[in-house]
Amino acid sequence: MVVVGVLALAALAGWLYLAFGHGAFWRTGPGLPEAARPDEWPEVVAVVPARDEAAVLPETLPTLLAQGYPGVFRVVLVDDGSGDGTAETAVRLAGGNPRLRVVAASERPPGWAGKVWAMSEGVQAAGEPRYLLFTDADIAYEPGVVEKLVSAAIAGDRDLVSQMATLNTRTRWERVIVPAFVYFFAQLYPFRRVTRDGTRTAAAAGGCMLVRRGALAEAGGLAAIHDALIDDVALGRLIKRAGGRCRLDLGREVISRRPYPRLADLWTMIARSAYHQLRYSPALLAGTVLGLLLLYAVPPAATIAGLAARSGVPLVAGALAWTLMAVTYAPMLRFYGLSPLRAPALPLVALMYAAMTLDSARRHRAGRGGAWKGRTAATPSRR
């Protein structure tokens, strides 16, 4: 029980730091501020990389085209080698709306990730707007979102304003996995630290990223992150390391319409890029898995063991750590309209994420890393 007690105390120390010293990562608000309207509305072009997205476009593209932006707003949809009639579906949905331009991505150069290349093709077709809105084909927008993004960027003098989309929680497995996914993302990249100037923490959410075109060019353009599988985090780092100012929020007005009805769908979504996030390092993989076990598995295990053995240190330290874990997870569950009573089960979900991370490494070593819609990621460069 001495070893269990030491591990429980270590886990408790970790949760005390996470709860009170890690950028309040667990808070889900406040979202975009109510910013003053600019005197002049700059031109914005939305770039939508799309590969085999004909099924979801009817739920998303019309919401983007219908944005009541006071300035010039256009949409460039890049058909990235689709085989399901994505381009034709987009044209039909637009119904002649002059805001939409559909372009076909040219052949992807060696070393480029598919999505980043499609984004680059969209930038080339966009012309010279002041702002680029990188968004995914599965993202729907509430009315007025583009106006709010631009207002926040101008009022706050931000080079990158990003909103993490609200994901689906319709199915049983989505309700289990999705809130934890956003919670873990915020734990890795506390939104308030991303927004705070002078910190090294940088990230963005790929579903909605408004970027000042000049800042992107000054940072080296998309060519600087050409092989990134996690393009949003890479773009946030690129902008911030070049001296740009960023903002990242969790918003209800940007919604993902992509369904993940089966556990296998969610597992693939996470496993395709988890090992890439760890820079393909076995040491980082081992450290991440051990860290997950210490923070999430030890508290309930120590609580149960301490209770069974009537040992005070494991029981108290484990229970306190488990409580802090649940308390910090509850706001995310409430954000998704789920009961906070689910929070104590977070250790089980964390163990699933550890398994997904290990599976991601296995897939990459088997040559199937980053597989998505018929493509497999090329061997990455190590930055």
Protein backbone atom coordinates (compact mmCIF):
# COMPACT_ATOMS: atom_id res chain seq x y z
CA MET A 1 0.00 0.00 0.00
CA VAL A 2 3.01 2.32 0.34
CA VAL A 3 3.52 2.30 -3.43
CA VAL A 4 -0.20 2.85 -4.01
CA GLY A 5 -0.13 5.76 -1.58
CA VAL A 6 2.83 7.38 -3.34
CA LEU A 7 1.14 7.01 -6.73
CA ALA A 8 -2.10 8.44 -5.32
CA LEU A 9 -0.26 11.45 -3.92
CA ALA A 10 1.47 11.99 -7.28
CA ALA A 11 -1.89 11.84 -9.06
CA LEU A 12 -3.39 14.27 -6.55
CA ALA A 13 -0.50 16.71 -7.11
CA GLY A 14 -1.11 16.47 -10.84
CA TRP A 15 -4.82 17.20 -10.46
CA LEU A 16 -4.22 20.10 -8.09
CA TYR A 17 -2.03 21.66 -10.77
CA LEU A 18 -4.47 20.89 -13.59
CA ALA A 19 -7.47 22.24 -11.69
CA PHE A 20 -5.89 25.43 -10.37
CA GLY A 21 -2.75 26.18 -12.40
CA HIS A 22 -3.31 25.02 -15.97
CA GLY A 23 -5.05 27.94 -17.59
CA ALA A 24 -8.53 26.99 -16.36
CA PHE A 25 -8.62 24.54 -19.27
CA TRP A 26 -11.86 23.02 -17.99
CA ARG A 27 -13.96 26.16 -18.44
CA THR A 28 -16.15 26.13 -21.53
CA GLY A 29 -16.87 29.87 -21.85
CA PRO A 30 -17.11 32.69 -22.55
CA GLY A 31 -16.89 32.32 -26.35
CA LEU A 32 -16.48 35.15 -28.80
CA PRO A 33 -16.79 38.61 -27.21
CA GLU A 34 -19.37 41.13 -28.31
CA ALA A 35 -17.04 43.35 -30.31
CA ALA A 36 -17.71 46.74 -31.83
CA ARG A 37 -18.56 46.72 -35.52
CA PRO A 38 -15.63 47.95 -37.66
CA ASP A 39 -16.01 51.10 -39.71
CA GLU A 40 -15.19 49.14 -42.85
CA TRP A 41 -15.80 45.46 -43.44
CA PRO A 42 -12.82 43.69 -45.08
CA GLU A 43 -13.17 41.06 -47.77
CA VAL A 44 -13.34 37.46 -46.51
CA VAL A 45 -12.98 34.28 -48.54
CA ALA A 46 -13.93 30.94 -47.03
CA VAL A 47 -11.78 28.03 -48.22
CA VAL A 48 -13.49 24.64 -47.98
CA PRO A 49 -11.36 21.56 -48.78
CA ALA A 50 -13.76 18.76 -49.69
CA ARG A 51 -13.13 15.12 -50.51
CA ASP A 52 -16.15 12.86 -50.96
CA GLU A 53 -18.45 15.18 -49.01
CA ALA A 54 -21.58 15.09 -51.19
CA ALA A 55 -23.64 13.51 -48.40
CA VAL A 56 -22.96 16.21 -45.80
CA LEU A 57 -22.83 19.33 -47.98
CA PRO A 58 -26.63 19.84 -48.04
CA GLU A 59 -26.49 20.40 -44.28
CA THR A 60 -23.52 22.75 -44.30
CA LEU A 61 -22.77 24.63 -47.52
CA PRO A 62 -26.08 26.55 -47.59
CA THR A 63 -25.39 27.87 -44.06
CA LEU A 64 -22.08 29.28 -45.23
CA LEU A 65 -23.45 30.81 -48.42
CA ALA A 66 -26.30 32.41 -46.44
CA GLN A 67 -24.04 34.31 -44.05
CA GLY A 68 -25.25 37.91 -43.83
CA TYR A 69 -21.79 39.43 -43.89
CA PRO A 70 -21.87 43.19 -44.55
CA GLY A 71 -18.72 43.16 -46.69
CA VAL A 72 -17.54 41.05 -49.61
CA PHE A 73 -17.76 37.39 -48.74
CA ARG A 74 -16.99 34.52 -51.10
CA VAL A 75 -16.62 30.75 -50.79
CA VAL A 76 -14.04 28.66 -52.61
CA LEU A 77 -14.77 24.95 -52.41
CA VAL A 78 -11.80 22.80 -53.42
CA ASP A 79 -12.84 19.42 -54.81
CA ASP A 80 -9.97 17.20 -53.67
CA GLY A 81 -10.30 14.26 -56.04
CA SER A 82 -13.80 13.28 -54.96
CA GLY A 83 -15.52 10.30 -56.51
CA ASP A 84 -19.04 10.95 -55.22
CA GLY A 85 -20.03 14.07 -57.12
CA THR A 86 -18.98 16.57 -54.46
CA ALA A 87 -18.37 19.37 -56.95
CA GLU A 88 -21.68 18.81 -58.74
CA THR A 89 -23.53 18.72 -55.42
CA ALA A 90 -21.96 22.02 -54.36
CA VAL A 91 -22.94 23.71 -57.63
CA ARG A 92 -26.49 22.42 -57.34
CA LEU A 93 -26.83 23.60 -53.74
CA ALA A 94 -25.53 27.05 -54.63
CA GLY A 95 -28.23 27.45 -57.27
CA GLY A 96 -26.25 30.07 -59.14
CA ASN A 97 -25.18 31.97 -56.01
CA PRO A 98 -22.24 34.11 -57.20
CA ARG A 99 -20.56 33.74 -53.82
CA LEU A 100 -19.49 30.16 -54.62
CA ARG A 101 -16.58 29.08 -56.77
CA VAL A 102 -15.73 25.40 -57.12
CA VAL A 103 -12.19 24.49 -58.14
CA ALA A 104 -10.55 21.11 -58.64
CA ALA A 105 -7.33 20.51 -56.74
CA SER A 106 -4.37 19.79 -58.97
CA GLU A 107 -2.15 16.77 -58.41
CA ARG A 108 -0.76 16.76 -54.90
CA PRO A 109 3.03 17.24 -54.75
CA PRO A 110 5.11 14.66 -52.86
CA GLY A 111 5.32 15.32 -49.15
CA TRP A 112 2.14 17.35 -48.88
CA ALA A 113 -0.74 16.23 -46.66
CA GLY A 114 -3.92 16.02 -48.70
CA LYS A 115 -5.98 18.53 -46.74
CA VAL A 116 -3.19 21.11 -46.50
CA TRP A 117 -2.65 20.87 -50.27
CA ALA A 118 -6.36 21.43 -50.88
CA MET A 119 -6.27 24.41 -48.53
CA SER A 120 -3.28 25.78 -50.46
CA GLU A 121 -5.16 25.39 -53.74
CA GLY A 122 -8.04 27.31 -52.21
CA VAL A 123 -5.75 30.11 -51.12
CA GLN A 124 -4.44 30.40 -54.67
CA ALA A 125 -7.98 30.65 -56.02
CA ALA A 126 -9.11 33.13 -53.35
CA GLY A 127 -7.23 36.12 -54.71
CA GLU A 128 -6.15 38.72 -52.17
CA PRO A 129 -8.80 39.09 -49.46
CA ARG A 130 -7.80 40.48 -46.10
CA TYR A 131 -9.05 37.37 -44.31
CA LEU A 132 -9.22 33.68 -45.14
CA LEU A 133 -11.74 31.48 -43.36
CA PHE A 134 -10.49 27.89 -43.41
CA THR A 135 -13.42 25.62 -42.68
CA ASP A 136 -14.34 21.98 -43.17
CA ALA A 137 -17.06 20.67 -45.47
CA ASP A 138 -18.95 19.15 -42.52
CA ILE A 139 -19.25 22.44 -40.61
CA ALA A 140 -22.54 24.35 -40.39
CA TYR A 141 -22.74 28.00 -39.34
CA GLU A 142 -25.41 29.83 -37.43
CA PRO A 143 -26.42 33.19 -38.97
CA GLY A 144 -23.98 36.03 -38.35
CA VAL A 145 -20.97 33.94 -37.35
CA VAL A 146 -18.61 35.32 -40.01
CA GLU A 147 -19.49 38.85 -38.95
CA LYS A 148 -18.71 37.99 -35.31
CA LEU A 149 -15.40 36.37 -36.23
CA VAL A 150 -14.26 39.40 -38.21
CA SER A 151 -15.42 41.82 -35.52
CA ALA A 152 -13.49 39.86 -32.88
CA ALA A 153 -10.38 39.74 -35.06
CA ILE A 154 -10.38 43.47 -35.75
CA ALA A 155 -11.39 44.63 -32.27
CA GLY A 156 -8.89 42.32 -30.59
CA ASP A 157 -6.15 42.82 -33.20
CA ARG A 158 -5.98 39.06 -33.76
CA ASP A 159 -4.27 37.38 -36.69
CA LEU A 160 -6.09 34.09 -36.06
CA VAL A 161 -9.53 33.61 -34.55
CA SER A 162 -10.69 30.02 -34.25
CA GLN A 163 -13.85 28.38 -32.96
CA MET A 164 -13.90 24.73 -31.96
CA ALA A 165 -17.06 23.30 -33.47
CA THR A 166 -19.72 21.62 -31.38
CA LEU A 167 -19.53 17.94 -32.31
CA ASN A 168 -22.36 15.43 -32.59
CA THR A 169 -23.48 13.61 -29.45
CA ARG A 170 -26.54 11.88 -30.87
CA THR A 171 -25.40 8.28 -30.52
CA ARG A 172 -24.34 6.39 -27.41
CA TRP A 173 -20.69 6.22 -28.36
CA GLU A 174 -20.59 9.89 -29.39
CA ARG A 175 -21.88 10.79 -25.93
CA VAL A 176 -19.10 8.70 -24.38
CA ILE A 177 -16.18 9.81 -26.54
CA VAL A 178 -16.87 13.32 -27.85
CA PRO A 179 -16.99 15.39 -24.62
CA ALA A 180 -13.80 13.68 -23.45
CA PHE A 181 -12.15 14.42 -26.82
CA VAL A 182 -12.79 18.15 -26.42
CA TYR A 183 -11.81 18.01 -22.74
CA PHE A 184 -8.48 16.35 -23.53
CA PHE A 185 -7.85 18.81 -26.38
CA ALA A 186 -8.42 21.73 -24.00
CA GLN A 187 -6.14 20.06 -21.46
CA LEU A 188 -3.36 19.88 -24.06
CA TYR A 189 -4.03 23.40 -25.38
CA PRO A 190 -5.79 25.52 -22.74
CA PHE A 191 -7.84 28.00 -24.74
CA ARG A 192 -7.00 30.92 -22.46
CA ARG A 193 -3.28 30.27 -22.84
CA VAL A 194 -3.63 30.12 -26.63
CA THR A 195 -5.33 33.53 -26.49
CA ARG A 196 -2.84 35.03 -24.03
CA ASP A 197 0.06 36.88 -25.64
CA GLY A 198 3.56 35.81 -24.66
CA THR A 199 2.75 32.16 -23.98
CA ARG A 200 4.11 29.26 -26.02
CA THR A 201 0.76 27.47 -26.11
CA ALA A 202 -0.60 27.63 -29.65
CA ALA A 203 -3.39 25.79 -31.41
CA ALA A 204 -6.53 26.23 -33.46
CA ALA A 205 -9.60 24.18 -34.33
CA GLY A 206 -9.66 23.18 -37.98
CA GLY A 207 -13.40 23.46 -38.47
CA CYS A 208 -13.31 27.25 -38.23
CA MET A 209 -10.11 29.29 -38.54
CA LEU A 210 -10.25 32.95 -39.61
CA VAL A 211 -6.71 34.00 -40.56
CA ARG A 212 -5.37 37.33 -41.68
CA ARG A 213 -3.88 36.55 -45.09
CA GLY A 214 -0.92 38.86 -44.56
CA ALA A 215 0.00 37.17 -41.29
CA LEU A 216 -0.15 33.76 -42.95
CA ALA A 217 2.13 34.92 -45.74
CA GLU A 218 4.60 36.50 -43.29
CA ALA A 219 4.73 33.22 -41.34
CA GLY A 220 5.73 31.27 -44.45
CA GLY A 221 2.33 30.30 -45.83
CA LEU A 222 0.82 26.83 -45.86
CA ALA A 223 4.01 25.48 -47.41
CA ALA A 224 5.57 25.79 -43.95
CA ILE A 225 3.14 23.13 -42.64
CA HIS A 226 2.78 21.17 -45.87
CA ASP A 227 3.08 17.72 -44.26
CA ALA A 228 0.92 18.37 -41.20
CA LEU A 229 -1.80 15.82 -40.47
CA ILE A 230 -3.09 17.98 -37.62
CA ASP A 231 -3.30 21.12 -39.73
CA ASP A 232 -5.17 23.25 -37.19
CA VAL A 233 -2.63 22.93 -34.37
CA ALA A 234 0.19 23.36 -36.89
CA LEU A 235 -1.40 26.53 -38.26
CA GLY A 236 -1.89 27.98 -34.78
CA ARG A 237 1.76 27.31 -33.94
CA LEU A 238 2.90 28.78 -37.25
CA ILE A 239 1.03 32.04 -36.70
CA LYS A 240 1.95 32.44 -33.04
CA ARG A 241 5.63 31.60 -33.46
CA ALA A 242 5.83 34.25 -36.14
CA GLY A 243 4.60 36.83 -33.63
CA GLY A 244 0.91 36.66 -34.54
CA ARG A 245 -1.87 37.03 -32.00
CA CYS A 246 -4.38 34.19 -31.72
CA ARG A 247 -7.73 33.48 -30.14
CA LEU A 248 -9.36 30.07 -29.61
CA ASP A 249 -12.84 29.48 -28.20
CA LEU A 250 -15.37 26.71 -27.83
CA GLY A 251 -18.52 27.86 -29.60
CA ARG A 252 -22.10 26.73 -30.04
CA GLU A 253 -22.61 28.64 -33.30
CA VAL A 254 -20.23 26.48 -35.33
CA ILE A 255 -21.53 22.91 -35.56
CA SER A 256 -20.07 19.74 -37.03
CA ARG A 257 -22.60 17.68 -38.97
CA ARG A 258 -20.32 14.69 -39.45
CA PRO A 259 -21.80 11.64 -37.73
CA TYR A 260 -19.74 9.02 -35.90
CA PRO A 261 -22.40 6.36 -35.29
CA ARG A 262 -20.04 3.51 -34.34
CA LEU A 263 -17.18 3.22 -31.89
CA ALA A 264 -15.01 2.17 -34.85
CA ASP A 265 -15.65 5.54 -36.56
CA LEU A 266 -14.60 7.50 -33.49
CA TRP A 267 -11.64 5.19 -32.89
CA THR A 268 -10.36 5.79 -36.44
CA MET A 269 -10.87 9.55 -36.15
CA ILE A 270 -8.62 9.69 -33.10
CA ALA A 271 -6.11 6.96 -34.00
CA ARG A 272 -5.35 8.42 -37.43
CA SER A 273 -3.45 11.36 -35.94
CA ALA A 274 -2.64 10.61 -32.28
CA TYR A 275 0.87 9.27 -32.98
CA HIS A 276 1.52 12.18 -35.34
CA GLN A 277 0.68 14.50 -32.43
CA LEU A 278 3.44 12.73 -30.48
CA ARG A 279 5.89 13.38 -33.33
CA TYR A 280 6.20 9.62 -33.94
CA SER A 281 8.33 9.33 -30.82
CA PRO A 282 8.27 6.03 -28.86
CA ALA A 283 9.47 7.94 -25.80
CA LEU A 284 6.60 10.44 -26.01
CA LEU A 285 4.19 7.58 -26.62
CA ALA A 286 5.36 5.78 -23.49
CA GLY A 287 5.26 9.00 -21.46
CA THR A 288 1.75 9.82 -22.66
CA VAL A 289 0.35 6.40 -21.84
CA LEU A 290 2.01 6.37 -18.42
CA GLY A 291 0.73 9.89 -17.77
CA LEU A 292 -2.81 8.87 -18.67
CA LEU A 293 -2.57 5.89 -16.34
CA LEU A 294 -1.22 8.00 -13.47
CA LEU A 295 -3.76 10.79 -13.79
CA TYR A 296 -6.85 8.79 -14.68
CA ALA A 297 -6.42 5.16 -13.60
CA VAL A 298 -4.57 5.62 -10.32
CA PRO A 299 -7.17 7.79 -8.49
CA PRO A 300 -10.08 5.32 -8.68
CA ALA A 301 -7.77 2.34 -8.22
CA ALA A 302 -6.18 3.92 -5.15
CA THR A 303 -9.57 4.86 -3.75
CA ILE A 304 -10.87 1.32 -4.05
CA ALA A 305 -7.64 -0.24 -2.77
CA GLY A 306 -7.46 2.17 0.15
CA LEU A 307 -11.07 1.51 1.04
CA ALA A 308 -10.53 -2.25 0.91
CA ALA A 309 -7.33 -2.12 2.96
CA ARG A 310 -8.53 0.67 5.26
CA SER A 311 -5.44 2.65 4.34
CA GLY A 312 -5.92 6.39 4.78
CA VAL A 313 -3.37 7.87 2.37
CA PRO A 314 -4.40 5.95 -0.76
CA LEU A 315 -8.08 6.41 0.06
CA VAL A 316 -7.98 10.15 0.75
CA ALA A 317 -5.47 11.10 -1.95
CA GLY A 318 -7.16 8.90 -4.54
CA ALA A 319 -10.64 10.16 -3.70
CA LEU A 320 -9.56 13.81 -3.80
CA ALA A 321 -7.83 13.35 -7.18
CA TRP A 322 -10.87 11.50 -8.56
CA THR A 323 -13.13 14.28 -7.30
CA LEU A 324 -11.04 17.02 -8.93
CA MET A 325 -11.07 15.03 -12.17
CA ALA A 326 -14.85 14.73 -12.12
CA VAL A 327 -15.42 18.35 -11.11
CA THR A 328 -13.28 19.66 -13.98
CA TYR A 329 -14.99 17.34 -16.47
CA ALA A 330 -18.54 18.27 -15.46
CA PRO A 331 -18.61 21.65 -17.31
CA MET A 332 -17.83 19.90 -20.60
CA LEU A 333 -20.61 17.40 -20.03
CA ARG A 334 -23.02 20.25 -19.31
CA PHE A 335 -21.88 22.04 -22.47
CA TYR A 336 -22.96 18.99 -24.45
CA GLY A 337 -26.24 18.71 -22.54
CA LEU A 338 -25.19 15.56 -20.69
CA SER A 339 -25.54 14.72 -17.03
CA PRO A 340 -22.57 15.53 -14.76
CA LEU A 341 -23.20 12.14 -13.18
CA ARG A 342 -21.19 10.77 -16.09
CA ALA A 343 -18.06 12.54 -14.84
CA PRO A 344 -16.77 9.85 -12.42
CA ALA A 345 -16.59 7.41 -15.36
CA LEU A 346 -13.95 9.54 -17.12
CA PRO A 347 -11.13 7.11 -16.12
CA LEU A 348 -12.73 4.41 -18.30
CA VAL A 349 -12.85 6.79 -21.27
CA ALA A 350 -9.24 7.80 -20.65
CA LEU A 351 -8.19 4.16 -20.80
CA MET A 352 -9.91 3.92 -24.18
CA TYR A 353 -7.94 6.96 -25.35
CA ALA A 354 -4.72 5.32 -24.18
CA ALA A 355 -5.65 2.27 -26.27
CA MET A 356 -6.43 4.49 -29.27
CA THR A 357 -3.04 6.18 -28.93
CA LEU A 358 -1.25 2.84 -28.85
CA ASP A 359 -3.27 1.70 -31.84
CA SER A 360 -2.28 4.88 -33.68
CA ALA A 361 1.38 3.97 -33.22
CA ARG A 362 0.68 0.43 -34.41
CA ARG A 363 -1.05 1.73 -37.55
CA HIS A 364 1.81 4.06 -38.40
CA ARG A 365 4.39 1.31 -37.95
CA ALA A 366 2.29 -0.92 -40.19
CA GLY A 367 2.30 1.74 -42.92
CA ARG A 368 -1.35 2.70 -42.44
CA GLY A 369 -0.84 5.92 -40.52
CA GLY A 370 -3.18 8.83 -41.12
CA ALA A 371 -5.49 6.77 -43.35
CA TRP A 372 -8.47 8.90 -44.38
CA LYS A 373 -10.84 8.52 -47.31
CA GLY A 374 -8.58 6.25 -49.28
CA ARG A 375 -5.32 8.02 -48.53
CA THR A 376 -2.47 7.05 -46.26
CA ALA A 377 -0.10 9.64 -44.88
CA ALA A 378 3.39 9.74 -46.33
CA THR A 379 6.38 9.18 -44.10
CA PRO A 380 6.55 12.38 -42.05
CA SER A 381 9.41 14.76 -41.69
CA ARG A 382 10.54 15.41 -38.11
CA ARG A 383 10.47 19.08 -37.23
